PDB file of N, CA and C in Angstrom:
ATOM      1  N   UNK A   1      18.992   6.131   6.912  1.00  0.00           N
ATOM      2  CA  UNK A   1      19.096   4.728   7.190  1.00  0.00           C
ATOM      3  C   UNK A   1      17.778   4.213   7.784  1.00  0.00           C
ATOM      4  N   UNK A   2      17.347   3.076   7.323  1.00  0.00           N
ATOM      5  CA  UNK A   2      16.085   2.490   7.773  1.00  0.00           C
ATOM      6  C   UNK A   2      16.365   1.591   8.972  1.00  0.00           C
ATOM      7  N   UNK A   3      15.692   1.909  10.058  1.00  0.00           N
ATOM      8  CA  UNK A   3      15.855   1.092  11.254  1.00  0.00           C
ATOM      9  C   UNK A   3      14.843  -0.042  11.230  1.00  0.00           C
ATOM     10  N   UNK A   4      15.014  -0.956  12.147  1.00  0.00           N
ATOM     11  CA  UNK A   4      14.099  -2.096  12.236  1.00  0.00           C
ATOM     12  C   UNK A   4      12.681  -1.621  12.542  1.00  0.00           C
ATOM     13  N   UNK A   5      12.572  -0.616  13.362  1.00  0.00           N
ATOM     14  CA  UNK A   5      11.262  -0.082  13.726  1.00  0.00           C
ATOM     15  C   UNK A   5      10.556   0.517  12.500  1.00  0.00           C
ATOM     16  N   UNK A   6      11.315   1.274  11.682  1.00  0.00           N
ATOM     17  CA  UNK A   6      10.733   1.857  10.474  1.00  0.00           C
ATOM     18  C   UNK A   6      10.367   0.776   9.464  1.00  0.00           C
ATOM     19  N   UNK A   7      11.217  -0.221   9.304  1.00  0.00           N
ATOM     20  CA  UNK A   7      10.941  -1.312   8.367  1.00  0.00           C
ATOM     21  C   UNK A   7       9.677  -2.055   8.776  1.00  0.00           C
ATOM     22  N   UNK A   8       9.511  -2.285  10.080  1.00  0.00           N
ATOM     23  CA  UNK A   8       8.314  -2.949  10.569  1.00  0.00           C
ATOM     24  C   UNK A   8       7.080  -2.087  10.292  1.00  0.00           C
ATOM     25  N   UNK A   9       7.184  -0.788  10.521  1.00  0.00           N
ATOM     26  CA  UNK A   9       6.077   0.132  10.281  1.00  0.00           C
ATOM     27  C   UNK A   9       5.702   0.149   8.801  1.00  0.00           C
ATOM     28  N   UNK A  10       6.692   0.257   7.901  1.00  0.00           N
ATOM     29  CA  UNK A  10       6.422   0.257   6.457  1.00  0.00           C
ATOM     30  C   UNK A  10       5.804  -1.062   5.999  1.00  0.00           C
ATOM     31  N   UNK A  11       6.306  -2.149   6.545  1.00  0.00           N
ATOM     32  CA  UNK A  11       5.762  -3.462   6.204  1.00  0.00           C
ATOM     33  C   UNK A  11       4.318  -3.603   6.642  1.00  0.00           C
ATOM     34  N   UNK A  12       4.021  -3.144   7.851  1.00  0.00           N
ATOM     35  CA  UNK A  12       2.654  -3.216   8.370  1.00  0.00           C
ATOM     36  C   UNK A  12       1.708  -2.356   7.544  1.00  0.00           C
ATOM     37  N   UNK A  13       2.122  -1.141   7.223  1.00  0.00           N
ATOM     38  CA  UNK A  13       1.290  -0.255   6.418  1.00  0.00           C
ATOM     39  C   UNK A  13       1.073  -0.848   5.029  1.00  0.00           C
ATOM     40  N   UNK A  14       2.104  -1.435   4.446  1.00  0.00           N
ATOM     41  CA  UNK A  14       1.976  -2.052   3.119  1.00  0.00           C
ATOM     42  C   UNK A  14       0.987  -3.208   3.137  1.00  0.00           C
ATOM     43  N   UNK A  15       1.045  -4.019   4.173  1.00  0.00           N
ATOM     44  CA  UNK A  15       0.119  -5.153   4.282  1.00  0.00           C
ATOM     45  C   UNK A  15      -1.316  -4.656   4.457  1.00  0.00           C
ATOM     46  N   UNK A  16      -1.517  -3.637   5.279  1.00  0.00           N
ATOM     47  CA  UNK A  16      -2.858  -3.084   5.466  1.00  0.00           C
ATOM     48  C   UNK A  16      -3.413  -2.501   4.165  1.00  0.00           C
ATOM     49  N   UNK A  17      -2.576  -1.794   3.416  1.00  0.00           N
ATOM     50  CA  UNK A  17      -3.021  -1.243   2.127  1.00  0.00           C
ATOM     51  C   UNK A  17      -3.393  -2.371   1.165  1.00  0.00           C
ATOM     52  N   UNK A  18      -2.590  -3.437   1.131  1.00  0.00           N
ATOM     53  CA  UNK A  18      -2.891  -4.576   0.255  1.00  0.00           C
ATOM     54  C   UNK A  18      -4.213  -5.238   0.649  1.00  0.00           C
ATOM     55  N   UNK A  19      -4.461  -5.363   1.946  1.00  0.00           N
ATOM     56  CA  UNK A  19      -5.717  -5.970   2.412  1.00  0.00           C
ATOM     57  C   UNK A  19      -6.906  -5.092   2.029  1.00  0.00           C
ATOM     58  N   UNK A  20      -6.787  -3.792   2.214  1.00  0.00           N
ATOM     59  CA  UNK A  20      -7.881  -2.878   1.873  1.00  0.00           C
ATOM     60  C   UNK A  20      -8.152  -2.892   0.372  1.00  0.00           C
ATOM     61  N   UNK A  21      -7.104  -2.872  -0.439  1.00  0.00           N
ATOM     62  CA  UNK A  21      -7.290  -2.928  -1.897  1.00  0.00           C
ATOM     63  C   UNK A  21      -7.915  -4.250  -2.323  1.00  0.00           C
ATOM     64  N   UNK A  22      -7.446  -5.345  -1.751  1.00  0.00           N
ATOM     65  CA  UNK A  22      -8.009  -6.657  -2.083  1.00  0.00           C
ATOM     66  C   UNK A  22      -9.481  -6.755  -1.720  1.00  0.00           C
ATOM     67  N   UNK A  23      -9.836  -6.232  -0.558  1.00  0.00           N
ATOM     68  CA  UNK A  23     -11.232  -6.236  -0.141  1.00  0.00           C
ATOM     69  C   UNK A  23     -12.087  -5.372  -1.070  1.00  0.00           C
ATOM     70  N   UNK A  24     -11.565  -4.227  -1.478  1.00  0.00           N
ATOM     71  CA  UNK A  24     -12.295  -3.357  -2.397  1.00  0.00           C
ATOM     72  C   UNK A  24     -12.536  -4.021  -3.737  1.00  0.00           C
ATOM     73  N   UNK A  25     -11.531  -4.708  -4.249  1.00  0.00           N
ATOM     74  CA  UNK A  25     -11.698  -5.430  -5.526  1.00  0.00           C
ATOM     75  C   UNK A  25     -12.715  -6.554  -5.356  1.00  0.00           C
ATOM     76  N   UNK A  26     -12.653  -7.276  -4.234  1.00  0.00           N
ATOM     77  CA  UNK A  26     -13.594  -8.369  -3.983  1.00  0.00           C
ATOM     78  C   UNK A  26     -15.030  -7.850  -3.932  1.00  0.00           C
ATOM     79  N   UNK A  27     -15.261  -6.733  -3.272  1.00  0.00           N
ATOM     80  CA  UNK A  27     -16.606  -6.186  -3.156  1.00  0.00           C
ATOM     81  C   UNK A  27     -17.119  -5.599  -4.474  1.00  0.00           C
ATOM     82  N   UNK A  28     -16.234  -5.232  -5.367  1.00  0.00           N
ATOM     83  CA  UNK A  28     -16.657  -4.664  -6.648  1.00  0.00           C
ATOM     84  C   UNK A  28     -16.759  -5.717  -7.747  1.00  0.00           C
ATOM     85  N   UNK A  29     -16.698  -6.991  -7.391  1.00  0.00           N
ATOM     86  CA  UNK A  29     -16.740  -8.058  -8.403  1.00  0.00           C
ATOM     87  C   UNK A  29     -18.036  -8.050  -9.211  1.00  0.00           C
ATOM     88  N   UNK A  30     -19.158  -7.656  -8.581  1.00  0.00           N
ATOM     89  CA  UNK A  30     -20.422  -7.585  -9.315  1.00  0.00           C
ATOM     90  C   UNK A  30     -20.357  -6.532 -10.418  1.00  0.00           C
ATOM     91  N   UNK A  31     -19.721  -5.413 -10.123  1.00  0.00           N
ATOM     92  CA  UNK A  31     -19.578  -4.357 -11.120  1.00  0.00           C
ATOM     93  C   UNK A  31     -18.602  -4.793 -12.210  1.00  0.00           C
ATOM     94  N   UNK A  32     -17.506  -5.411 -11.808  1.00  0.00           N
ATOM     95  CA  UNK A  32     -16.464  -5.774 -12.767  1.00  0.00           C
ATOM     96  C   UNK A  32     -16.873  -6.912 -13.693  1.00  0.00           C
ATOM     97  N   UNK A  33     -17.531  -7.927 -13.153  1.00  0.00           N
ATOM     98  CA  UNK A  33     -17.798  -9.126 -13.937  1.00  0.00           C
ATOM     99  C   UNK A  33     -19.209  -9.209 -14.480  1.00  0.00           C
ATOM    100  N   UNK A  34     -20.163  -8.488 -13.937  1.00  0.00           N
ATOM    101  CA  UNK A  34     -21.521  -8.481 -14.459  1.00  0.00           C
ATOM    102  C   UNK A  34     -22.252  -9.796 -14.222  1.00  0.00           C
ATOM    103  N   UNK A  35     -23.307  -9.995 -14.985  1.00  0.00           N
ATOM    104  CA  UNK A  35     -24.183 -11.153 -14.826  1.00  0.00           C
ATOM    105  C   UNK A  35     -23.667 -12.317 -15.664  1.00  0.00           C
ATOM    106  N   UNK A  36     -23.732 -13.494 -15.070  1.00  0.00           N
ATOM    107  CA  UNK A  36     -23.466 -14.719 -15.818  1.00  0.00           C
ATOM    108  C   UNK A  36     -24.697 -15.595 -15.666  1.00  0.00           C
ATOM    109  N   UNK A  37     -25.367 -15.868 -16.772  1.00  0.00           N
ATOM    110  CA  UNK A  37     -26.604 -16.645 -16.727  1.00  0.00           C
ATOM    111  C   UNK A  37     -26.486 -17.860 -17.636  1.00  0.00           C
ATOM    112  N   UNK A  38     -26.910 -18.997 -17.114  1.00  0.00           N
ATOM    113  CA  UNK A  38     -26.962 -20.215 -17.928  1.00  0.00           C
ATOM    114  C   UNK A  38     -28.344 -20.837 -17.762  1.00  0.00           C
ATOM    115  N   UNK A  39     -28.783 -21.516 -18.820  1.00  0.00           N
ATOM    116  CA  UNK A  39     -30.108 -22.135 -18.836  1.00  0.00           C
ATOM    117  C   UNK A  39     -29.943 -23.592 -19.247  1.00  0.00           C
ATOM    118  N   UNK A  40     -30.623 -24.485 -18.550  1.00  0.00           N
ATOM    119  CA  UNK A  40     -30.614 -25.897 -18.922  1.00  0.00           C
ATOM    120  C   UNK A  40     -32.043 -26.381 -19.130  1.00  0.00           C
ATOM    121  N   UNK A  41     -32.185 -27.414 -19.928  1.00  0.00           N
ATOM    122  CA  UNK A  41     -33.497 -27.993 -20.181  1.00  0.00           C
ATOM    123  C   UNK A  41     -34.237 -27.394 -21.362  1.00  0.00           C
ATOM    124  N   UNK A  42     -33.663 -26.390 -21.999  1.00  0.00           N
ATOM    125  CA  UNK A  42     -34.303 -25.756 -23.145  1.00  0.00           C
ATOM    126  C   UNK A  42     -33.205 -25.246 -24.088  1.00  0.00           C
ATOM    127  N   UNK A  43     -33.421 -25.445 -25.383  1.00  0.00           N
ATOM    128  CA  UNK A  43     -32.519 -24.940 -26.423  1.00  0.00           C
ATOM    129  C   UNK A  43     -33.357 -24.203 -27.452  1.00  0.00           C
ATOM    130  N   UNK A  44     -32.743 -23.270 -28.141  1.00  0.00           N
ATOM    131  CA  UNK A  44     -33.451 -22.578 -29.207  1.00  0.00           C
ATOM    132  C   UNK A  44     -33.717 -23.573 -30.338  1.00  0.00           C
ATOM    133  N   UNK A  45     -34.954 -23.648 -30.782  1.00  0.00           N
ATOM    134  CA  UNK A  45     -35.324 -24.575 -31.847  1.00  0.00           C
ATOM    135  C   UNK A  45     -35.705 -25.959 -31.351  1.00  0.00           C
ATOM    136  N   UNK A  46     -35.834 -26.121 -30.050  1.00  0.00           N
ATOM    137  CA  UNK A  46     -36.185 -27.409 -29.455  1.00  0.00           C
ATOM    138  C   UNK A  46     -37.580 -27.831 -29.898  1.00  0.00           C
ATOM    139  N   UNK A  47     -37.736 -29.105 -30.221  1.00  0.00           N
ATOM    140  CA  UNK A  47     -39.026 -29.667 -30.593  1.00  0.00           C
ATOM    141  C   UNK A  47     -39.424 -30.684 -29.526  1.00  0.00           C
ATOM    142  N   UNK A  48     -40.615 -30.526 -28.953  1.00  0.00           N
ATOM    143  CA  UNK A  48     -41.065 -31.410 -27.881  1.00  0.00           C
ATOM    144  C   UNK A  48     -42.450 -31.957 -28.192  1.00  0.00           C
ATOM    145  N   UNK A  49     -42.785 -33.082 -27.558  1.00  0.00           N
ATOM    146  CA  UNK A  49     -44.112 -33.671 -27.726  1.00  0.00           C
ATOM    147  C   UNK A  49     -44.908 -33.637 -26.428  1.00  0.00           C
ATOM    148  N   UNK A  50     -44.297 -33.148 -25.353  1.00  0.00           N
ATOM    149  CA  UNK A  50     -44.966 -33.015 -24.059  1.00  0.00           C
ATOM    150  C   UNK A  50     -45.338 -31.542 -23.851  1.00  0.00           C
ATOM    151  N   UNK A  51     -46.601 -31.252 -23.498  1.00  0.00           N
ATOM    152  CA  UNK A  51     -47.002 -29.842 -23.366  1.00  0.00           C
ATOM    153  C   UNK A  51     -46.428 -29.142 -22.131  1.00  0.00           C
ATOM    154  N   UNK A  52     -45.849 -29.896 -21.199  1.00  0.00           N
ATOM    155  CA  UNK A  52     -45.265 -29.301 -19.994  1.00  0.00           C
ATOM    156  C   UNK A  52     -43.745 -29.284 -20.144  1.00  0.00           C
ATOM    157  N   UNK A  53     -43.154 -28.105 -20.041  1.00  0.00           N
ATOM    158  CA  UNK A  53     -41.710 -27.936 -20.192  1.00  0.00           C
ATOM    159  C   UNK A  53     -41.125 -27.495 -18.865  1.00  0.00           C
ATOM    160  N   UNK A  54     -40.213 -28.302 -18.319  1.00  0.00           N
ATOM    161  CA  UNK A  54     -39.534 -27.987 -17.064  1.00  0.00           C
ATOM    162  C   UNK A  54     -38.096 -27.615 -17.397  1.00  0.00           C
ATOM    163  N   UNK A  55     -37.647 -26.476 -16.926  1.00  0.00           N
ATOM    164  CA  UNK A  55     -36.282 -26.012 -17.202  1.00  0.00           C
ATOM    165  C   UNK A  55     -35.817 -25.135 -16.048  1.00  0.00           C
ATOM    166  N   UNK A  56     -34.562 -24.783 -16.063  1.00  0.00           N
ATOM    167  CA  UNK A  56     -33.999 -23.959 -14.995  1.00  0.00           C
ATOM    168  C   UNK A  56     -32.648 -23.425 -15.407  1.00  0.00           C
ATOM    169  N   UNK A  57     -31.900 -22.966 -14.435  1.00  0.00           N
ATOM    170  CA  UNK A  57     -30.587 -22.434 -14.742  1.00  0.00           C
ATOM    171  C   UNK A  57     -29.912 -21.846 -13.529  1.00  0.00           C
ATOM    172  N   UNK A  58     -28.813 -21.164 -13.785  1.00  0.00           N
ATOM    173  CA  UNK A  58     -28.042 -20.476 -12.761  1.00  0.00           C
ATOM    174  C   UNK A  58     -27.845 -19.042 -13.197  1.00  0.00           C
ATOM    175  N   UNK A  59     -27.980 -18.131 -12.252  1.00  0.00           N
ATOM    176  CA  UNK A  59     -27.797 -16.717 -12.530  1.00  0.00           C
ATOM    177  C   UNK A  59     -26.846 -16.158 -11.466  1.00  0.00           C
ATOM    178  N   UNK A  60     -25.595 -16.001 -11.839  1.00  0.00           N
ATOM    179  CA  UNK A  60     -24.592 -15.493 -10.921  1.00  0.00           C
ATOM    180  C   UNK A  60     -24.579 -13.973 -10.941  1.00  0.00           C
ATOM    181  N   UNK A  61     -24.432 -13.372  -9.775  1.00  0.00           N
ATOM    182  CA  UNK A  61     -24.415 -11.914  -9.612  1.00  0.00           C
ATOM    183  C   UNK A  61     -25.755 -11.306 -10.033  1.00  0.00           C
ATOM    184  N   UNK A  62     -26.851 -12.013  -9.802  1.00  0.00           N
ATOM    185  CA  UNK A  62     -28.167 -11.536 -10.232  1.00  0.00           C
ATOM    186  C   UNK A  62     -29.088 -11.348  -9.034  1.00  0.00           C
ATOM    187  N   UNK A  63     -30.042 -10.439  -9.197  1.00  0.00           N
ATOM    188  CA  UNK A  63     -31.055 -10.216  -8.171  1.00  0.00           C
ATOM    189  C   UNK A  63     -32.397 -10.811  -8.545  1.00  0.00           C
ATOM    190  N   UNK A  64     -32.700 -10.875  -9.850  1.00  0.00           N
ATOM    191  CA  UNK A  64     -33.999 -11.405 -10.239  1.00  0.00           C
ATOM    192  C   UNK A  64     -33.918 -12.111 -11.588  1.00  0.00           C
ATOM    193  N   UNK A  65     -34.799 -13.086 -11.739  1.00  0.00           N
ATOM    194  CA  UNK A  65     -34.988 -13.797 -13.006  1.00  0.00           C
ATOM    195  C   UNK A  65     -36.466 -13.712 -13.334  1.00  0.00           C
ATOM    196  N   UNK A  66     -36.772 -13.272 -14.550  1.00  0.00           N
ATOM    197  CA  UNK A  66     -38.156 -13.155 -14.999  1.00  0.00           C
ATOM    198  C   UNK A  66     -38.311 -14.024 -16.246  1.00  0.00           C
ATOM    199  N   UNK A  67     -39.256 -14.971 -16.188  1.00  0.00           N
ATOM    200  CA  UNK A  67     -39.535 -15.864 -17.309  1.00  0.00           C
ATOM    201  C   UNK A  67     -40.922 -15.529 -17.829  1.00  0.00           C
ATOM    202  N   UNK A  68     -40.985 -15.045 -19.057  1.00  0.00           N
ATOM    203  CA  UNK A  68     -42.256 -14.655 -19.686  1.00  0.00           C
ATOM    204  C   UNK A  68     -43.094 -13.754 -18.778  1.00  0.00           C
ATOM    205  N   UNK A  69     -42.454 -12.770 -18.162  1.00  0.00           N
ATOM    206  CA  UNK A  69     -43.159 -11.807 -17.332  1.00  0.00           C
ATOM    207  C   UNK A  69     -43.424 -12.240 -15.909  1.00  0.00           C
ATOM    208  N   UNK A  70     -43.026 -13.460 -15.546  1.00  0.00           N
ATOM    209  CA  UNK A  70     -43.266 -13.977 -14.198  1.00  0.00           C
ATOM    210  C   UNK A  70     -41.928 -14.071 -13.458  1.00  0.00           C
ATOM    211  N   UNK A  71     -41.844 -13.455 -12.276  1.00  0.00           N
ATOM    212  CA  UNK A  71     -40.617 -13.507 -11.484  1.00  0.00           C
ATOM    213  C   UNK A  71     -40.449 -14.901 -10.895  1.00  0.00           C
ATOM    214  N   UNK A  72     -39.245 -15.457 -11.060  1.00  0.00           N
ATOM    215  CA  UNK A  72     -38.923 -16.797 -10.585  1.00  0.00           C
ATOM    216  C   UNK A  72     -37.984 -16.649  -9.387  1.00  0.00           C
ATOM    217  N   UNK A  73     -38.235 -17.351  -8.275  1.00  0.00           N
ATOM    218  CA  UNK A  73     -37.365 -17.211  -7.106  1.00  0.00           C
ATOM    219  C   UNK A  73     -35.962 -17.786  -7.356  1.00  0.00           C
ATOM    220  N   UNK A  74     -34.978 -17.103  -6.788  1.00  0.00           N
ATOM    221  CA  UNK A  74     -33.581 -17.523  -6.860  1.00  0.00           C
ATOM    222  C   UNK A  74     -33.159 -18.105  -5.515  1.00  0.00           C
ATOM    223  N   UNK A  75     -32.333 -19.152  -5.559  1.00  0.00           N
ATOM    224  CA  UNK A  75     -31.737 -19.637  -4.316  1.00  0.00           C
ATOM    225  C   UNK A  75     -30.536 -18.761  -3.986  1.00  0.00           C
ATOM    226  N   UNK A  76     -29.946 -18.985  -2.818  1.00  0.00           N
ATOM    227  CA  UNK A  76     -28.759 -18.217  -2.430  1.00  0.00           C
ATOM    228  C   UNK A  76     -27.596 -18.449  -3.388  1.00  0.00           C
ATOM    229  N   UNK A  77     -27.555 -19.629  -3.999  1.00  0.00           N
ATOM    230  CA  UNK A  77     -26.480 -19.958  -4.939  1.00  0.00           C
ATOM    231  C   UNK A  77     -26.779 -19.446  -6.349  1.00  0.00           C
ATOM    232  N   UNK A  78     -27.970 -18.887  -6.578  1.00  0.00           N
ATOM    233  CA  UNK A  78     -28.320 -18.349  -7.889  1.00  0.00           C
ATOM    234  C   UNK A  78     -29.066 -19.323  -8.780  1.00  0.00           C
ATOM    235  N   UNK A  79     -29.454 -20.479  -8.260  1.00  0.00           N
ATOM    236  CA  UNK A  79     -30.188 -21.465  -9.068  1.00  0.00           C
ATOM    237  C   UNK A  79     -31.673 -21.085  -9.111  1.00  0.00           C
ATOM    238  N   UNK A  80     -32.312 -21.435 -10.221  1.00  0.00           N
ATOM    239  CA  UNK A  80     -33.744 -21.188 -10.385  1.00  0.00           C
ATOM    240  C   UNK A  80     -34.337 -22.277 -11.257  1.00  0.00           C
ATOM    241  N   UNK A  81     -35.649 -22.497 -11.128  1.00  0.00           N
ATOM    242  CA  UNK A  81     -36.368 -23.488 -11.928  1.00  0.00           C
ATOM    243  C   UNK A  81     -37.752 -22.950 -12.243  1.00  0.00           C
ATOM    244  N   UNK A  82     -38.284 -23.400 -13.379  1.00  0.00           N
ATOM    245  CA  UNK A  82     -39.634 -22.991 -13.766  1.00  0.00           C
ATOM    246  C   UNK A  82     -40.256 -24.073 -14.639  1.00  0.00           C
ATOM    247  N   UNK A  83     -41.574 -24.055 -14.703  1.00  0.00           N
ATOM    248  CA  UNK A  83     -42.334 -24.978 -15.543  1.00  0.00           C
ATOM    249  C   UNK A  83     -43.353 -24.161 -16.321  1.00  0.00           C
ATOM    250  N   UNK A  84     -43.444 -24.443 -17.621  1.00  0.00           N
ATOM    251  CA  UNK A  84     -44.403 -23.741 -18.473  1.00  0.00           C
ATOM    252  C   UNK A  84     -45.256 -24.746 -19.228  1.00  0.00           C
ATOM    253  N   UNK A  85     -46.495 -24.362 -19.480  1.00  0.00           N
ATOM    254  CA  UNK A  85     -47.384 -25.141 -20.325  1.00  0.00           C
ATOM    255  C   UNK A  85     -47.283 -24.569 -21.742  1.00  0.00           C
ATOM    256  N   UNK A  86     -47.041 -25.433 -22.720  1.00  0.00           N
ATOM    257  CA  UNK A  86     -46.859 -25.000 -24.105  1.00  0.00           C
ATOM    258  C   UNK A  86     -48.152 -25.153 -24.898  1.00  0.00           C
ATOM    259  N   UNK A  87     -48.335 -24.269 -25.848  1.00  0.00           N
ATOM    260  CA  UNK A  87     -49.448 -24.365 -26.788  1.00  0.00           C
ATOM    261  C   UNK A  87     -48.964 -25.077 -28.040  1.00  0.00           C
ATOM    262  N   UNK A  88     -49.851 -25.710 -28.808  1.00  0.00           N
ATOM    263  CA  UNK A  88     -49.407 -26.361 -30.044  1.00  0.00           C
ATOM    264  C   UNK A  88     -48.773 -25.347 -31.000  1.00  0.00           C
ATOM    265  N   UNK A  89     -47.695 -25.739 -31.636  1.00  0.00           N
ATOM    266  CA  UNK A  89     -46.971 -24.859 -32.550  1.00  0.00           C
ATOM    267  C   UNK A  89     -45.758 -24.240 -31.874  1.00  0.00           C
ATOM    268  N   UNK A  90     -45.336 -23.106 -32.397  1.00  0.00           N
ATOM    269  CA  UNK A  90     -44.152 -22.440 -31.848  1.00  0.00           C
ATOM    270  C   UNK A  90     -44.496 -21.619 -30.610  1.00  0.00           C
ATOM    271  N   UNK A  91     -43.659 -21.707 -29.605  1.00  0.00           N
ATOM    272  CA  UNK A  91     -43.767 -20.942 -28.374  1.00  0.00           C
ATOM    273  C   UNK A  91     -42.445 -20.210 -28.172  1.00  0.00           C
ATOM    274  N   UNK A  92     -42.513 -18.960 -27.761  1.00  0.00           N
ATOM    275  CA  UNK A  92     -41.310 -18.190 -27.474  1.00  0.00           C
ATOM    276  C   UNK A  92     -41.210 -17.989 -25.970  1.00  0.00           C
ATOM    277  N   UNK A  93     -40.055 -18.337 -25.426  1.00  0.00           N
ATOM    278  CA  UNK A  93     -39.800 -18.157 -24.000  1.00  0.00           C
ATOM    279  C   UNK A  93     -38.731 -17.085 -23.864  1.00  0.00           C
ATOM    280  N   UNK A  94     -39.038 -16.062 -23.086  1.00  0.00           N
ATOM    281  CA  UNK A  94     -38.079 -14.989 -22.845  1.00  0.00           C
ATOM    282  C   UNK A  94     -37.658 -15.022 -21.380  1.00  0.00           C
ATOM    283  N   UNK A  95     -36.337 -15.046 -21.172  1.00  0.00           N
ATOM    284  CA  UNK A  95     -35.771 -15.066 -19.823  1.00  0.00           C
ATOM    285  C   UNK A  95     -34.941 -13.796 -19.657  1.00  0.00           C
ATOM    286  N   UNK A  96     -35.284 -12.997 -18.641  1.00  0.00           N
ATOM    287  CA  UNK A  96     -34.567 -11.742 -18.376  1.00  0.00           C
ATOM    288  C   UNK A  96     -33.952 -11.834 -16.985  1.00  0.00           C
ATOM    289  N   UNK A  97     -32.636 -11.696 -16.925  1.00  0.00           N
ATOM    290  CA  UNK A  97     -31.903 -11.730 -15.665  1.00  0.00           C
ATOM    291  C   UNK A  97     -31.396 -10.318 -15.384  1.00  0.00           C
ATOM    292  N   UNK A  98     -31.651  -9.814 -14.162  1.00  0.00           N
ATOM    293  CA  UNK A  98     -31.283  -8.450 -13.788  1.00  0.00           C
ATOM    294  C   UNK A  98     -30.408  -8.476 -12.538  1.00  0.00           C
ATOM    295  N   UNK A  99     -29.380  -7.627 -12.517  1.00  0.00           N
ATOM    296  CA  UNK A  99     -28.541  -7.523 -11.322  1.00  0.00           C
ATOM    297  C   UNK A  99     -28.936  -6.306 -10.499  1.00  0.00           C
ATOM    298  N   UNK A 100     -28.235  -6.066  -9.413  1.00  0.00           N
ATOM    299  CA  UNK A 100     -28.613  -4.968  -8.519  1.00  0.00           C
ATOM    300  C   UNK A 100     -28.332  -3.595  -9.101  1.00  0.00           C
ATOM    301  N   UNK A 101     -27.576  -3.533 -10.192  1.00  0.00           N
ATOM    302  CA  UNK A 101     -27.301  -2.270 -10.868  1.00  0.00           C
ATOM    303  C   UNK A 101     -28.235  -2.059 -12.052  1.00  0.00           C
ATOM    304  N   UNK A 102     -29.278  -2.907 -12.158  1.00  0.00           N
ATOM    305  CA  UNK A 102     -30.303  -2.884 -13.205  1.00  0.00           C
ATOM    306  C   UNK A 102     -29.762  -3.173 -14.596  1.00  0.00           C
ATOM    307  N   UNK A 103     -28.631  -3.869 -14.661  1.00  0.00           N
ATOM    308  CA  UNK A 103     -28.153  -4.364 -15.952  1.00  0.00           C
ATOM    309  C   UNK A 103     -28.885  -5.667 -16.226  1.00  0.00           C
ATOM    310  N   UNK A 104     -29.209  -5.911 -17.485  1.00  0.00           N
ATOM    311  CA  UNK A 104     -29.986  -7.103 -17.812  1.00  0.00           C
ATOM    312  C   UNK A 104     -29.290  -7.941 -18.882  1.00  0.00           C
ATOM    313  N   UNK A 105     -29.592  -9.231 -18.821  1.00  0.00           N
ATOM    314  CA  UNK A 105     -29.226 -10.186 -19.862  1.00  0.00           C
ATOM    315  C   UNK A 105     -30.529 -10.851 -20.274  1.00  0.00           C
ATOM    316  N   UNK A 106     -30.831 -10.830 -21.564  1.00  0.00           N
ATOM    317  CA  UNK A 106     -32.072 -11.409 -22.070  1.00  0.00           C
ATOM    318  C   UNK A 106     -31.748 -12.572 -22.989  1.00  0.00           C
ATOM    319  N   UNK A 107     -32.436 -13.680 -22.773  1.00  0.00           N
ATOM    320  CA  UNK A 107     -32.291 -14.853 -23.637  1.00  0.00           C
ATOM    321  C   UNK A 107     -33.686 -15.249 -24.122  1.00  0.00           C
ATOM    322  N   UNK A 108     -33.771 -15.546 -25.419  1.00  0.00           N
ATOM    323  CA  UNK A 108     -35.041 -15.985 -25.993  1.00  0.00           C
ATOM    324  C   UNK A 108     -34.863 -17.344 -26.641  1.00  0.00           C
ATOM    325  N   UNK A 109     -35.865 -18.191 -26.436  1.00  0.00           N
ATOM    326  CA  UNK A 109     -35.846 -19.541 -26.994  1.00  0.00           C
ATOM    327  C   UNK A 109     -37.171 -19.790 -27.706  1.00  0.00           C
ATOM    328  N   UNK A 110     -37.079 -20.364 -28.904  1.00  0.00           N
ATOM    329  CA  UNK A 110     -38.272 -20.779 -29.648  1.00  0.00           C
ATOM    330  C   UNK A 110     -38.399 -22.284 -29.507  1.00  0.00           C
ATOM    331  N   UNK A 111     -39.529 -22.698 -28.985  1.00  0.00           N
ATOM    332  CA  UNK A 111     -39.804 -24.111 -28.735  1.00  0.00           C
ATOM    333  C   UNK A 111     -40.996 -24.521 -29.601  1.00  0.00           C
ATOM    334  N   UNK A 112     -40.858 -25.643 -30.278  1.00  0.00           N
ATOM    335  CA  UNK A 112     -41.957 -26.151 -31.095  1.00  0.00           C
ATOM    336  C   UNK A 112     -42.597 -27.329 -30.364  1.00  0.00           C
ATOM    337  N   UNK A 113     -43.890 -27.167 -30.052  1.00  0.00           N
ATOM    338  CA  UNK A 113     -44.650 -28.250 -29.420  1.00  0.00           C
ATOM    339  C   UNK A 113     -45.534 -28.876 -30.477  1.00  0.00           C
ATOM    340  N   UNK A 114     -45.255 -30.170 -30.753  1.00  0.00           N
ATOM    341  CA  UNK A 114     -46.046 -30.932 -31.735  1.00  0.00           C
ATOM    342  C   UNK A 114     -47.099 -31.728 -30.969  1.00  0.00           C
ATOM    343  N   UNK A 115     -48.361 -31.338 -31.180  1.00  0.00           N
ATOM    344  CA  UNK A 115     -49.471 -31.998 -30.537  1.00  0.00           C
ATOM    345  C   UNK A 115     -49.784 -33.281 -31.283  1.00  0.00           C
ATOM    346  N   UNK A 116     -49.682 -34.415 -30.595  1.00  0.00           N
ATOM    347  CA  UNK A 116     -49.912 -35.721 -31.255  1.00  0.00           C
ATOM    348  C   UNK A 116     -51.352 -35.994 -31.446  1.00  0.00           C
TER     349      UNK A 116
END
């Protein structure tokens, strides 16, 4: 027969186990969900007439963002911005986002700059 004291003990232990499991899942979210990267201000196949291209994005669960070999600083929220000077004709922009487990997401964009 389960007494009130035993029921309270089992309930307390169950709650503690649930809290520990929940915390473990929360801390492993970077491993479970990986990198989520978005880029704004640039599309593949974009045609521009201005030689200066300003763009940025968000990199969730990331430690670094590298644009054409140059490391771009991340804010605490994962936002980043960069500006590049384009040459006449086609330009390729490569964005590499890396997390703390050294997993990477690479995005490439071809931009056409038409010199007037």
